[in-house]
Amino acid sequence: MTIESTTRVILPGLVEPSGLQITAGPTPTPTADQLLVQVEATGIAFAEQAMRRGRYYGQPAFPFTPGYDLVGRVLSVGPDGDAQLIGARVASMTKTGGWATHAVVEARDTVVVPDGITAEDAETVVVNGVTAWQMLHRSARVKPGQTVLVFGANGGVGGILIQLARHHGVTVIGAASPRHHDALRAAGVIPVDYADPNLASVVRGHAPGGVDAVFDNIGGEMAATAFGLLARGGTLVTYAIAAAVSGEGPLMVPFIKAIGQAVLWSALPNGKRATFYDLWAGHKTRPARFRRRLEGDLASVFALLRDGTVTANIAARFPLTEVVAALELAESRTLNGKVILLPQTNI
């Protein structure tokens, strides 16, 4: 199938959201092990907000098209590709390139979306769902009846994580701004203010013996506080360093510090463990294993989404052409849920 033109968003450099550019150009052709997808839904996550500031570790050189994941219909496959995928709705992890009407994606990073799930609902749980599932069940190995503390409980990853944990029979303490506390209570979560100077004592009031796992997206000094809140046998899972986004200097430094800190803390003779979660771990070194986990874990989340156990928390929807307003809203930190971009509609 020939597509004459593709509309895409370009991040040209270190600009405010208003500096994003919308361009039209040739549609790329998939090569071996790739798929051409008509993008139905993509989203705005912490990653793109950090990339705009040049503060996302490993981001490509400017200019480039952002978009960490997407959902859409397969239009064509590369040479010797699986032609049965043509017409199927798929979800793909891309890191970049999703903010476009059409995108070429890697087949190994792509999973078929089951019938009964809309594109925009599926988009909310692609990267966020895999991240939440793997942190809960693989990194921390949380058991029913335990108690966990989730930072960023109102965010894209946090919102899925608290639902998965509640479904698993886990008590959840959610750290977020007070404006989100009513929504967290409605979700069965015990809310706490992440900026409260007495946060540690407040959490201990709910979990006197400590929590069994902490999921931290802030890093820095907050990670030390989080580790101190663990019960014996507990696990701290750091999955982002939001504190570093507004900082200065090379990003390698805070990442190396966080990883080294996790190794050091895990070596202490107190029965506690710390780890730095990396969604892409094994992507290049153990691709078959990476693919199996992606397919299995995302399938588990999709099944819970389809039967209503997990709800897609969509904060707002925008056409791709209104990406500036969408990014400004996403960065306002006033939302509960994920901002979705819909490249194929004007809404």
C-alpha atoms as a PDB file:
ATOM      1  CA  MET A   1       0.000   0.000   0.000  1.00  0.00           C
ATOM      2  CA  THR A   2       1.337   3.421  -0.960  1.00  0.00           C
ATOM      3  CA  ILE A   3       0.803   6.377   1.374  1.00  0.00           C
ATOM      4  CA  GLU A   4       1.612   9.680  -0.285  1.00  0.00           C
ATOM      5  CA  SER A   5       2.377  11.668   2.842  1.00  0.00           C
ATOM      6  CA  THR A   6       2.892  11.329   6.581  1.00  0.00           C
ATOM      7  CA  THR A   7       2.275  14.091   9.086  1.00  0.00           C
ATOM      8  CA  ARG A   8       4.631  14.057  12.056  1.00  0.00           C
ATOM      9  CA  VAL A   9       5.617  16.231  14.995  1.00  0.00           C
ATOM     10  CA  ILE A  10       9.233  17.377  15.141  1.00  0.00           C
ATOM     11  CA  LEU A  11      11.081  18.310  18.308  1.00  0.00           C
ATOM     12  CA  PRO A  12      13.752  20.618  16.813  1.00  0.00           C
ATOM     13  CA  GLY A  13      15.827  21.258  19.921  1.00  0.00           C
ATOM     14  CA  LEU A  14      15.577  22.660  23.437  1.00  0.00           C
ATOM     15  CA  VAL A  15      12.276  24.490  23.015  1.00  0.00           C
ATOM     16  CA  GLU A  16       9.100  25.207  24.928  1.00  0.00           C
ATOM     17  CA  PRO A  17       6.035  23.191  23.845  1.00  0.00           C
ATOM     18  CA  SER A  18       5.167  26.046  21.486  1.00  0.00           C
ATOM     19  CA  GLY A  19       8.379  25.305  19.589  1.00  0.00           C
ATOM     20  CA  LEU A  20       7.161  21.907  18.379  1.00  0.00           C
ATOM     21  CA  GLN A  21       6.838  21.720  14.591  1.00  0.00           C
ATOM     22  CA  ILE A  22       4.307  19.826  12.474  1.00  0.00           C
ATOM     23  CA  THR A  23       5.591  18.684   9.094  1.00  0.00           C
ATOM     24  CA  ALA A  24       4.496  16.503   6.196  1.00  0.00           C
ATOM     25  CA  GLY A  25       6.782  14.266   4.199  1.00  0.00           C
ATOM     26  CA  PRO A  26       7.190  10.890   2.540  1.00  0.00           C
ATOM     27  CA  THR A  27       5.945   7.825   4.349  1.00  0.00           C
ATOM     28  CA  PRO A  28       8.788   5.436   5.205  1.00  0.00           C
ATOM     29  CA  THR A  29       8.888   1.905   3.829  1.00  0.00           C
ATOM     30  CA  PRO A  30       9.344  -1.007   6.244  1.00  0.00           C
ATOM     31  CA  THR A  31      12.491  -3.064   5.833  1.00  0.00           C
ATOM     32  CA  ALA A  32      13.048  -6.605   7.091  1.00  0.00           C
ATOM     33  CA  ASP A  33      11.463  -7.258  10.501  1.00  0.00           C
ATOM     34  CA  GLN A  34       9.556  -3.981  10.395  1.00  0.00           C
ATOM     35  CA  LEU A  35       5.894  -2.980  10.020  1.00  0.00           C
ATOM     36  CA  LEU A  36       4.273   0.146   8.590  1.00  0.00           C
ATOM     37  CA  VAL A  37       1.504   1.206  10.973  1.00  0.00           C
ATOM     38  CA  GLN A  38      -1.271   3.758  10.559  1.00  0.00           C
ATOM     39  CA  VAL A  39      -1.179   5.328  13.999  1.00  0.00           C
ATOM     40  CA  GLU A  40      -4.566   5.495  15.712  1.00  0.00           C
ATOM     41  CA  ALA A  41      -3.389   6.571  19.164  1.00  0.00           C
ATOM     42  CA  THR A  42      -0.175   7.634  20.835  1.00  0.00           C
ATOM     43  CA  GLY A  43       0.427   9.505  24.047  1.00  0.00           C
ATOM     44  CA  ILE A  44       2.416  11.952  26.120  1.00  0.00           C
ATOM     45  CA  ALA A  45       4.492  10.484  28.916  1.00  0.00           C
ATOM     46  CA  PHE A  46       7.229  11.629  31.264  1.00  0.00           C
ATOM     47  CA  ALA A  47       9.773  10.530  28.661  1.00  0.00           C
ATOM     48  CA  GLU A  48       8.710  13.100  26.065  1.00  0.00           C
ATOM     49  CA  GLN A  49       8.539  15.844  28.668  1.00  0.00           C
ATOM     50  CA  ALA A  50      12.119  15.039  29.673  1.00  0.00           C
ATOM     51  CA  MET A  51      13.281  14.810  26.042  1.00  0.00           C
ATOM     52  CA  ARG A  52      11.976  18.321  25.374  1.00  0.00           C
ATOM     53  CA  ARG A  53      14.435  19.535  27.994  1.00  0.00           C
ATOM     54  CA  GLY A  54      17.219  17.332  26.682  1.00  0.00           C
ATOM     55  CA  ARG A  55      17.069  15.499  30.003  1.00  0.00           C
ATOM     56  CA  TYR A  56      16.130  11.946  28.983  1.00  0.00           C
ATOM     57  CA  TYR A  57      19.065   9.579  29.137  1.00  0.00           C
ATOM     58  CA  GLY A  58      19.834   8.052  25.736  1.00  0.00           C
ATOM     59  CA  GLN A  59      17.512  10.273  23.699  1.00  0.00           C
ATOM     60  CA  PRO A  60      18.495  10.814  20.031  1.00  0.00           C
ATOM     61  CA  ALA A  61      20.072  13.973  18.712  1.00  0.00           C
ATOM     62  CA  PHE A  62      17.729  16.799  17.718  1.00  0.00           C
ATOM     63  CA  PRO A  63      15.689  17.068  15.570  1.00  0.00           C
ATOM     64  CA  PHE A  64      13.484  13.981  15.927  1.00  0.00           C
ATOM     65  CA  THR A  65       9.861  12.871  16.256  1.00  0.00           C
ATOM     66  CA  PRO A  66       8.861  12.010  19.852  1.00  0.00           C
ATOM     67  CA  GLY A  67       6.387   9.295  20.791  1.00  0.00           C
ATOM     68  CA  TYR A  68       7.383   6.461  23.123  1.00  0.00           C
ATOM     69  CA  ASP A  69       4.637   4.042  22.088  1.00  0.00           C
ATOM     70  CA  LEU A  70       1.675   3.769  19.757  1.00  0.00           C
ATOM     71  CA  VAL A  71      -1.359   1.731  18.724  1.00  0.00           C
ATOM     72  CA  GLY A  72      -2.512   1.407  15.125  1.00  0.00           C
ATOM     73  CA  ARG A  73      -3.332  -0.755  12.106  1.00  0.00           C
ATOM     74  CA  VAL A  74      -0.651  -2.579  10.124  1.00  0.00           C
ATOM     75  CA  LEU A  75      -0.651  -1.371   6.524  1.00  0.00           C
ATOM     76  CA  SER A  76       2.316  -3.351   5.215  1.00  0.00           C
ATOM     77  CA  VAL A  77       5.190  -5.554   6.342  1.00  0.00           C
ATOM     78  CA  GLY A  78       8.828  -5.666   5.352  1.00  0.00           C
ATOM     79  CA  PRO A  79      10.384  -8.312   3.095  1.00  0.00           C
ATOM     80  CA  ASP A  80       9.602 -11.845   4.318  1.00  0.00           C
ATOM     81  CA  GLY A  81       7.385 -10.367   7.048  1.00  0.00           C
ATOM     82  CA  ASP A  82       4.178 -11.948   8.339  1.00  0.00           C
ATOM     83  CA  ALA A  83       1.538 -10.818   5.844  1.00  0.00           C
ATOM     84  CA  GLN A  84      -1.186 -12.064   8.200  1.00  0.00           C
ATOM     85  CA  LEU A  85      -0.486  -9.008  10.358  1.00  0.00           C
ATOM     86  CA  ILE A  86      -1.766  -6.657   7.639  1.00  0.00           C
ATOM     87  CA  GLY A  87      -4.987  -5.092   8.907  1.00  0.00           C
ATOM     88  CA  ALA A  88      -4.359  -6.117  12.514  1.00  0.00           C
ATOM     89  CA  ARG A  89      -4.410  -3.585  15.332  1.00  0.00           C
ATOM     90  CA  VAL A  90      -1.080  -3.635  17.130  1.00  0.00           C
ATOM     91  CA  ALA A  91       0.661  -1.937  20.026  1.00  0.00           C
ATOM     92  CA  SER A  92       4.323  -1.051  19.686  1.00  0.00           C
ATOM     93  CA  MET A  93       7.040   0.328  21.955  1.00  0.00           C
ATOM     94  CA  THR A  94       9.068   2.790  19.900  1.00  0.00           C
ATOM     95  CA  LYS A  95      10.975   5.162  22.260  1.00  0.00           C
ATOM     96  CA  THR A  96      10.585   7.807  19.530  1.00  0.00           C
ATOM     97  CA  GLY A  97       8.570   8.245  16.335  1.00  0.00           C
ATOM     98  CA  GLY A  98       5.046   7.704  17.627  1.00  0.00           C
ATOM     99  CA  TRP A  99       3.767  11.262  17.162  1.00  0.00           C
ATOM    100  CA  ALA A 100       2.878  10.767  13.508  1.00  0.00           C
ATOM    101  CA  THR A 101       0.038   9.621  11.290  1.00  0.00           C
ATOM    102  CA  HIS A 102       2.164   6.681  10.083  1.00  0.00           C
ATOM    103  CA  ALA A 103       5.216   5.031  11.600  1.00  0.00           C
ATOM    104  CA  VAL A 104       7.580   2.183  10.856  1.00  0.00           C
ATOM    105  CA  VAL A 105       8.014  -0.016  13.926  1.00  0.00           C
ATOM    106  CA  GLU A 106      10.077  -3.049  14.841  1.00  0.00           C
ATOM    107  CA  ALA A 107       8.075  -6.283  14.689  1.00  0.00           C
ATOM    108  CA  ARG A 108       9.791  -7.681  17.778  1.00  0.00           C
ATOM    109  CA  ASP A 109       8.641  -4.682  19.864  1.00  0.00           C
ATOM    110  CA  THR A 110       5.047  -5.037  18.672  1.00  0.00           C
ATOM    111  CA  VAL A 111       2.108  -7.036  20.057  1.00  0.00           C
ATOM    112  CA  VAL A 112      -1.341  -7.646  18.541  1.00  0.00           C
ATOM    113  CA  VAL A 113      -4.131  -5.887  20.469  1.00  0.00           C
ATOM    114  CA  PRO A 114      -7.026  -8.253  21.293  1.00  0.00           C
ATOM    115  CA  ASP A 115     -10.497  -7.547  19.928  1.00  0.00           C
ATOM    116  CA  GLY A 116     -12.736  -5.589  22.274  1.00  0.00           C
ATOM    117  CA  ILE A 117     -10.155  -2.947  23.218  1.00  0.00           C
ATOM    118  CA  THR A 118     -10.187   0.500  21.603  1.00  0.00           C
ATOM    119  CA  ALA A 119      -6.973   2.018  20.289  1.00  0.00           C
ATOM    120  CA  GLU A 120      -6.934   4.842  22.830  1.00  0.00           C
ATOM    121  CA  ASP A 121      -7.622   2.524  25.769  1.00  0.00           C
ATOM    122  CA  ALA A 122      -4.867   0.177  24.598  1.00  0.00           C
ATOM    123  CA  GLU A 123      -2.464   3.109  24.284  1.00  0.00           C
ATOM    124  CA  THR A 124      -2.759   3.890  27.999  1.00  0.00           C
ATOM    125  CA  VAL A 125      -1.320   0.484  28.952  1.00  0.00           C
ATOM    126  CA  VAL A 126       1.400  -0.225  26.370  1.00  0.00           C
ATOM    127  CA  VAL A 127       4.598   1.035  28.014  1.00  0.00           C
ATOM    128  CA  ASN A 128       2.812   2.024  31.234  1.00  0.00           C
ATOM    129  CA  GLY A 129       1.153  -1.366  31.610  1.00  0.00           C
ATOM    130  CA  VAL A 130       4.265  -3.408  30.880  1.00  0.00           C
ATOM    131  CA  THR A 131       6.277  -1.229  33.272  1.00  0.00           C
ATOM    132  CA  ALA A 132       3.719  -1.527  36.070  1.00  0.00           C
ATOM    133  CA  TRP A 133       3.249  -5.283  35.616  1.00  0.00           C
ATOM    134  CA  GLN A 134       6.952  -6.069  35.532  1.00  0.00           C
ATOM    135  CA  MET A 135       7.790  -3.878  38.520  1.00  0.00           C
ATOM    136  CA  LEU A 136       5.010  -5.402  40.619  1.00  0.00           C
ATOM    137  CA  HIS A 137       5.422  -9.043  39.638  1.00  0.00           C
ATOM    138  CA  ARG A 138       9.022  -9.357  38.432  1.00  0.00           C
ATOM    139  CA  SER A 139      11.097  -6.668  40.177  1.00  0.00           C
ATOM    140  CA  ALA A 140       9.414  -6.517  43.608  1.00  0.00           C
ATOM    141  CA  ARG A 141       7.533  -9.854  43.502  1.00  0.00           C
ATOM    142  CA  VAL A 142       4.791  -8.422  45.672  1.00  0.00           C
ATOM    143  CA  LYS A 143       2.449 -10.954  47.310  1.00  0.00           C
ATOM    144  CA  PRO A 144      -1.245 -10.659  48.181  1.00  0.00           C
ATOM    145  CA  GLY A 145      -1.754  -9.181  51.632  1.00  0.00           C
ATOM    146  CA  GLN A 146       1.351  -6.998  51.489  1.00  0.00           C
ATOM    147  CA  THR A 147       1.517  -3.194  51.522  1.00  0.00           C
ATOM    148  CA  VAL A 148       3.259  -0.993  48.951  1.00  0.00           C
ATOM    149  CA  LEU A 149       4.006   2.713  48.551  1.00  0.00           C
ATOM    150  CA  VAL A 150       3.618   4.165  45.049  1.00  0.00           C
ATOM    151  CA  PHE A 151       5.046   7.574  44.153  1.00  0.00           C
ATOM    152  CA  GLY A 152       3.399   9.325  41.207  1.00  0.00           C
ATOM    153  CA  ALA A 153       0.223   7.374  41.971  1.00  0.00           C
ATOM    154  CA  ASN A 154      -1.818   9.694  39.747  1.00  0.00           C
ATOM    155  CA  GLY A 155       0.485   9.334  36.733  1.00  0.00           C
ATOM    156  CA  GLY A 156       0.442   7.020  33.749  1.00  0.00           C
ATOM    157  CA  VAL A 157       2.524   4.221  35.289  1.00  0.00           C
ATOM    158  CA  GLY A 158       1.266   4.830  38.825  1.00  0.00           C
ATOM    159  CA  GLY A 159      -2.373   4.757  37.776  1.00  0.00           C
ATOM    160  CA  ILE A 160      -1.983   1.295  36.221  1.00  0.00           C
ATOM    161  CA  LEU A 161       0.254   0.061  39.036  1.00  0.00           C
ATOM    162  CA  ILE A 162      -2.271   0.842  41.764  1.00  0.00           C
ATOM    163  CA  GLN A 163      -4.989  -0.999  39.832  1.00  0.00           C
ATOM    164  CA  LEU A 164      -2.806  -4.068  39.295  1.00  0.00           C
ATOM    165  CA  ALA A 165      -1.760  -4.051  42.942  1.00  0.00           C
ATOM    166  CA  ARG A 166      -5.331  -3.718  44.224  1.00  0.00           C
ATOM    167  CA  HIS A 167      -6.423  -6.567  41.945  1.00  0.00           C
ATOM    168  CA  HIS A 168      -3.572  -8.645  43.377  1.00  0.00           C
ATOM    169  CA  GLY A 169      -4.875  -8.140  46.929  1.00  0.00           C
ATOM    170  CA  VAL A 170      -2.275  -5.561  47.921  1.00  0.00           C
ATOM    171  CA  THR A 171      -2.787  -2.521  50.161  1.00  0.00           C
ATOM    172  CA  VAL A 172      -1.612   0.608  48.342  1.00  0.00           C
ATOM    173  CA  ILE A 173      -0.380   3.879  49.823  1.00  0.00           C
ATOM    174  CA  GLY A 174      -0.279   6.419  47.017  1.00  0.00           C
ATOM    175  CA  ALA A 175       1.996   9.472  47.137  1.00  0.00           C
ATOM    176  CA  ALA A 176       0.714  12.373  45.051  1.00  0.00           C
ATOM    177  CA  SER A 177      -0.250  16.029  45.242  1.00  0.00           C
ATOM    178  CA  PRO A 178      -3.318  16.650  47.488  1.00  0.00           C
ATOM    179  CA  ARG A 179      -5.367  17.633  44.432  1.00  0.00           C
ATOM    180  CA  HIS A 180      -5.371  13.948  43.443  1.00  0.00           C
ATOM    181  CA  HIS A 181      -6.225  12.472  46.832  1.00  0.00           C
ATOM    182  CA  ASP A 182      -9.983  12.197  46.309  1.00  0.00           C
ATOM    183  CA  ALA A 183      -9.454  10.227  43.101  1.00  0.00           C
ATOM    184  CA  LEU A 184      -6.961   7.947  44.877  1.00  0.00           C
ATOM    185  CA  ARG A 185      -9.399   7.303  47.715  1.00  0.00           C
ATOM    186  CA  ALA A 186     -12.067   6.420  45.171  1.00  0.00           C
ATOM    187  CA  ALA A 187      -9.628   3.867  43.721  1.00  0.00           C
ATOM    188  CA  GLY A 188      -9.168   2.236  47.126  1.00  0.00           C
ATOM    189  CA  VAL A 189      -5.771   3.835  47.748  1.00  0.00           C
ATOM    190  CA  ILE A 190      -4.521   5.469  50.966  1.00  0.00           C
ATOM    191  CA  PRO A 191      -3.319   8.913  49.785  1.00  0.00           C
ATOM    192  CA  VAL A 192      -0.327  10.791  51.188  1.00  0.00           C
ATOM    193  CA  ASP A 193       1.290  14.042  50.098  1.00  0.00           C
ATOM    194  CA  TYR A 194       4.658  13.331  48.479  1.00  0.00           C
ATOM    195  CA  ALA A 195       5.842  16.858  49.414  1.00  0.00           C
ATOM    196  CA  ASP A 196       4.892  16.530  53.088  1.00  0.00           C
ATOM    197  CA  PRO A 197       8.044  17.076  55.199  1.00  0.00           C
ATOM    198  CA  ASN A 198       6.605  14.482  57.605  1.00  0.00           C
ATOM    199  CA  LEU A 199       5.995  11.952  54.825  1.00  0.00           C
ATOM    200  CA  ALA A 200       8.004   9.184  56.505  1.00  0.00           C
ATOM    201  CA  SER A 201       6.060   9.383  59.772  1.00  0.00           C
ATOM    202  CA  VAL A 202       2.734   9.585  57.920  1.00  0.00           C
ATOM    203  CA  VAL A 203       3.554   6.430  55.946  1.00  0.00           C
ATOM    204  CA  ARG A 204       4.685   4.640  59.118  1.00  0.00           C
ATOM    205  CA  GLY A 205       1.342   5.580  60.647  1.00  0.00           C
ATOM    206  CA  HIS A 206      -0.314   3.475  57.953  1.00  0.00           C
ATOM    207  CA  ALA A 207       2.361   0.753  57.910  1.00  0.00           C
ATOM    208  CA  PRO A 208       4.073   0.650  61.343  1.00  0.00           C
ATOM    209  CA  GLY A 209       6.291  -2.271  60.363  1.00  0.00           C
ATOM    210  CA  GLY A 210       7.297  -0.703  57.073  1.00  0.00           C
ATOM    211  CA  VAL A 211       6.050  -1.305  53.542  1.00  0.00           C
ATOM    212  CA  ASP A 212       6.907  -4.358  51.476  1.00  0.00           C
ATOM    213  CA  ALA A 213       7.783  -2.409  48.335  1.00  0.00           C
ATOM    214  CA  VAL A 214       8.235   1.180  47.224  1.00  0.00           C
ATOM    215  CA  PHE A 215       7.928   2.253  43.597  1.00  0.00           C
ATOM    216  CA  ASP A 216       9.828   5.519  43.224  1.00  0.00           C
ATOM    217  CA  ASN A 217       9.835   7.790  40.175  1.00  0.00           C
ATOM    218  CA  ILE A 218      11.500  10.771  41.888  1.00  0.00           C
ATOM    219  CA  GLY A 219      14.944   9.541  42.888  1.00  0.00           C
ATOM    220  CA  GLY A 220      17.545  11.640  44.677  1.00  0.00           C
ATOM    221  CA  GLU A 221      16.874  12.239  48.363  1.00  0.00           C
ATOM    222  CA  MET A 222      13.395  10.738  48.026  1.00  0.00           C
ATOM    223  CA  ALA A 223      14.928   7.362  47.170  1.00  0.00           C
ATOM    224  CA  ALA A 224      16.802   7.368  50.489  1.00  0.00           C
ATOM    225  CA  THR A 225      13.587   8.190  52.342  1.00  0.00           C
ATOM    226  CA  ALA A 226      11.795   5.421  50.454  1.00  0.00           C
ATOM    227  CA  PHE A 227      14.447   2.832  51.259  1.00  0.00           C
ATOM    228  CA  GLY A 228      14.168   3.713  54.942  1.00  0.00           C
ATOM    229  CA  LEU A 229      10.428   2.986  54.839  1.00  0.00           C
ATOM    230  CA  LEU A 230      10.907  -0.632  53.756  1.00  0.00           C
ATOM    231  CA  ALA A 231      10.127  -3.535  56.025  1.00  0.00           C
ATOM    232  CA  ARG A 232      12.712  -6.286  56.316  1.00  0.00           C
ATOM    233  CA  GLY A 233      12.587  -8.247  53.073  1.00  0.00           C
ATOM    234  CA  GLY A 234      11.168  -5.249  51.209  1.00  0.00           C
ATOM    235  CA  THR A 235      12.206  -3.926  47.818  1.00  0.00           C
ATOM    236  CA  LEU A 236      12.725  -0.402  46.507  1.00  0.00           C
ATOM    237  CA  VAL A 237      12.111  -0.166  42.755  1.00  0.00           C
ATOM    238  CA  THR A 238      13.278   3.106  41.171  1.00  0.00           C
ATOM    239  CA  TYR A 239      11.856   3.527  37.687  1.00  0.00           C
ATOM    240  CA  ALA A 240      12.565   7.181  36.890  1.00  0.00           C
ATOM    241  CA  ILE A 241      14.576  10.104  38.247  1.00  0.00           C
ATOM    242  CA  ALA A 242      12.161  12.999  37.939  1.00  0.00           C
ATOM    243  CA  ALA A 243      14.357  15.038  40.254  1.00  0.00           C
ATOM    244  CA  ALA A 244      17.102  15.016  37.614  1.00  0.00           C
ATOM    245  CA  VAL A 245      14.929  16.435  34.821  1.00  0.00           C
ATOM    246  CA  SER A 246      15.039  19.959  36.206  1.00  0.00           C
ATOM    247  CA  GLY A 247      18.695  19.642  37.164  1.00  0.00           C
ATOM    248  CA  GLU A 248      21.874  20.505  35.315  1.00  0.00           C
ATOM    249  CA  GLY A 249      24.941  18.649  34.154  1.00  0.00           C
ATOM    250  CA  PRO A 250      25.323  15.309  32.359  1.00  0.00           C
ATOM    251  CA  LEU A 251      22.422  12.895  32.857  1.00  0.00           C
ATOM    252  CA  MET A 252      24.852  10.000  33.137  1.00  0.00           C
ATOM    253  CA  VAL A 253      25.807  11.163  36.627  1.00  0.00           C
ATOM    254  CA  PRO A 254      22.426  10.789  38.385  1.00  0.00           C
ATOM    255  CA  PHE A 255      21.757   7.484  36.599  1.00  0.00           C
ATOM    256  CA  ILE A 256      25.098   5.982  37.606  1.00  0.00           C
ATOM    257  CA  LYS A 257      24.561   7.279  41.130  1.00  0.00           C
ATOM    258  CA  ALA A 258      21.082   5.730  41.321  1.00  0.00           C
ATOM    259  CA  ILE A 259      22.267   2.358  40.022  1.00  0.00           C
ATOM    260  CA  GLY A 260      25.307   2.359  42.303  1.00  0.00           C
ATOM    261  CA  GLN A 261      23.163   3.363  45.244  1.00  0.00           C
ATOM    262  CA  ALA A 262      20.819   0.436  44.565  1.00  0.00           C
ATOM    263  CA  VAL A 263      23.752  -1.992  44.471  1.00  0.00           C
ATOM    264  CA  LEU A 264      25.177  -0.593  47.706  1.00  0.00           C
ATOM    265  CA  TRP A 265      21.887  -0.633  49.579  1.00  0.00           C
ATOM    266  CA  SER A 266      21.165  -4.191  48.473  1.00  0.00           C
ATOM    267  CA  ALA A 267      24.506  -5.284  49.954  1.00  0.00           C
ATOM    268  CA  LEU A 268      23.621  -3.986  53.420  1.00  0.00           C
ATOM    269  CA  PRO A 269      22.843  -6.723  55.978  1.00  0.00           C
ATOM    270  CA  ASN A 270      19.290  -5.553  56.678  1.00  0.00           C
ATOM    271  CA  GLY A 271      17.292  -7.873  54.452  1.00  0.00           C
ATOM    272  CA  LYS A 272      16.201  -5.034  52.159  1.00  0.00           C
ATOM    273  CA  ARG A 273      16.780  -4.762  48.429  1.00  0.00           C
ATOM    274  CA  ALA A 274      16.956  -1.935  45.889  1.00  0.00           C
ATOM    275  CA  THR A 275      16.835  -2.109  42.114  1.00  0.00           C
ATOM    276  CA  PHE A 276      16.682   0.268  39.161  1.00  0.00           C
ATOM    277  CA  TYR A 277      13.974  -0.851  36.729  1.00  0.00           C
ATOM    278  CA  ASP A 278      14.832  -0.617  33.031  1.00  0.00           C
ATOM    279  CA  LEU A 279      12.013  -1.414  30.610  1.00  0.00           C
ATOM    280  CA  TRP A 280      14.526  -2.101  27.829  1.00  0.00           C
ATOM    281  CA  ALA A 281      16.830  -4.413  29.791  1.00  0.00           C
ATOM    282  CA  GLY A 282      17.801  -7.346  27.578  1.00  0.00           C
ATOM    283  CA  HIS A 283      16.384  -5.757  24.428  1.00  0.00           C
ATOM    284  CA  LYS A 284      19.694  -6.151  22.594  1.00  0.00           C
ATOM    285  CA  THR A 285      21.516  -8.749  24.683  1.00  0.00           C
ATOM    286  CA  ARG A 286      18.658 -11.236  25.149  1.00  0.00           C
ATOM    287  CA  PRO A 287      16.101 -10.362  22.442  1.00  0.00           C
ATOM    288  CA  ALA A 288      14.142 -13.640  22.529  1.00  0.00           C
ATOM    289  CA  ARG A 289      13.641 -13.402  26.283  1.00  0.00           C
ATOM    290  CA  PHE A 290      12.753  -9.718  26.003  1.00  0.00           C
ATOM    291  CA  ARG A 291      10.133 -10.546  23.366  1.00  0.00           C
ATOM    292  CA  ARG A 292       8.594 -13.376  25.420  1.00  0.00           C
ATOM    293  CA  ARG A 293       8.217 -11.133  28.439  1.00  0.00           C
ATOM    294  CA  LEU A 294       6.804  -8.250  26.428  1.00  0.00           C
ATOM    295  CA  GLU A 295       4.247 -10.487  24.742  1.00  0.00           C
ATOM    296  CA  GLY A 296       3.243 -12.315  27.920  1.00  0.00           C
ATOM    297  CA  ASP A 297       3.149  -9.339  30.274  1.00  0.00           C
ATOM    298  CA  LEU A 298       1.316  -7.024  27.887  1.00  0.00           C
ATOM    299  CA  ALA A 299      -1.155  -9.819  27.106  1.00  0.00           C
ATOM    300  CA  SER A 300      -1.876 -10.123  30.839  1.00  0.00           C
ATOM    301  CA  VAL A 301      -2.555  -6.394  31.112  1.00  0.00           C
ATOM    302  CA  PHE A 302      -4.691  -6.378  27.961  1.00  0.00           C
ATOM    303  CA  ALA A 303      -6.805  -9.221  29.377  1.00  0.00           C
ATOM    304  CA  LEU A 304      -7.452  -7.224  32.564  1.00  0.00           C
ATOM    305  CA  LEU A 305      -8.259  -4.129  30.494  1.00  0.00           C
ATOM    306  CA  ARG A 306     -10.716  -6.030  28.314  1.00  0.00           C
ATOM    307  CA  ASP A 307     -12.619  -7.554  31.245  1.00  0.00           C
ATOM    308  CA  GLY A 308     -12.814  -4.230  33.078  1.00  0.00           C
ATOM    309  CA  THR A 309     -10.471  -5.098  35.949  1.00  0.00           C
ATOM    310  CA  VAL A 310      -8.103  -2.374  34.761  1.00  0.00           C
ATOM    311  CA  THR A 311      -9.597   0.905  33.566  1.00  0.00           C
ATOM    312  CA  ALA A 312      -7.911   3.115  30.999  1.00  0.00           C
ATOM    313  CA  ASN A 313      -7.345   6.423  32.765  1.00  0.00           C
ATOM    314  CA  ILE A 314      -7.442   9.001  29.985  1.00  0.00           C
ATOM    315  CA  ALA A 315      -7.013  12.568  31.211  1.00  0.00           C
ATOM    316  CA  ALA A 316      -7.583  14.258  27.822  1.00  0.00           C
ATOM    317  CA  ARG A 317      -7.662  13.586  24.075  1.00  0.00           C
ATOM    318  CA  PHE A 318      -6.201  15.824  21.365  1.00  0.00           C
ATOM    319  CA  PRO A 319      -5.736  15.550  17.604  1.00  0.00           C
ATOM    320  CA  LEU A 320      -2.082  15.331  16.618  1.00  0.00           C
ATOM    321  CA  THR A 321      -2.242  18.845  15.153  1.00  0.00           C
ATOM    322  CA  GLU A 322      -2.972  20.240  18.635  1.00  0.00           C
ATOM    323  CA  VAL A 323       0.116  18.672  20.176  1.00  0.00           C
ATOM    324  CA  VAL A 324       1.296  22.001  21.623  1.00  0.00           C
ATOM    325  CA  ALA A 325      -1.815  22.372  23.786  1.00  0.00           C
ATOM    326  CA  ALA A 326      -1.653  18.686  24.654  1.00  0.00           C
ATOM    327  CA  LEU A 327       1.961  18.880  25.861  1.00  0.00           C
ATOM    328  CA  GLU A 328       1.314  22.066  27.823  1.00  0.00           C
ATOM    329  CA  LEU A 329      -1.578  20.357  29.601  1.00  0.00           C
ATOM    330  CA  ALA A 330       0.446  17.210  30.262  1.00  0.00           C
ATOM    331  CA  GLU A 331       3.246  19.276  31.794  1.00  0.00           C
ATOM    332  CA  SER A 332       0.842  21.226  34.030  1.00  0.00           C
ATOM    333  CA  ARG A 333       0.871  18.342  36.557  1.00  0.00           C
ATOM    334  CA  THR A 334      -2.827  18.935  37.221  1.00  0.00           C
ATOM    335  CA  LEU A 335      -4.011  15.729  35.579  1.00  0.00           C
ATOM    336  CA  ASN A 336      -5.019  12.318  36.793  1.00  0.00           C
ATOM    337  CA  GLY A 337      -4.201   9.991  33.905  1.00  0.00           C
ATOM    338  CA  LYS A 338      -2.611  10.143  30.474  1.00  0.00           C
ATOM    339  CA  VAL A 339      -2.963  12.641  27.623  1.00  0.00           C
ATOM    340  CA  ILE A 340      -3.727  10.838  24.360  1.00  0.00           C
ATOM    341  CA  LEU A 341      -2.962  12.047  20.815  1.00  0.00           C
ATOM    342  CA  LEU A 342      -5.240  10.836  18.019  1.00  0.00           C
ATOM    343  CA  PRO A 343      -3.441  11.285  14.666  1.00  0.00           C
ATOM    344  CA  GLN A 344      -6.338  10.102  12.520  1.00  0.00           C
ATOM    345  CA  THR A 345      -9.048  12.400  13.846  1.00  0.00           C
ATOM    346  CA  ASN A 346      -9.797  16.078  14.317  1.00  0.00           C
ATOM    347  CA  ILE A 347     -12.062  15.278  17.318  1.00  0.00           C
END
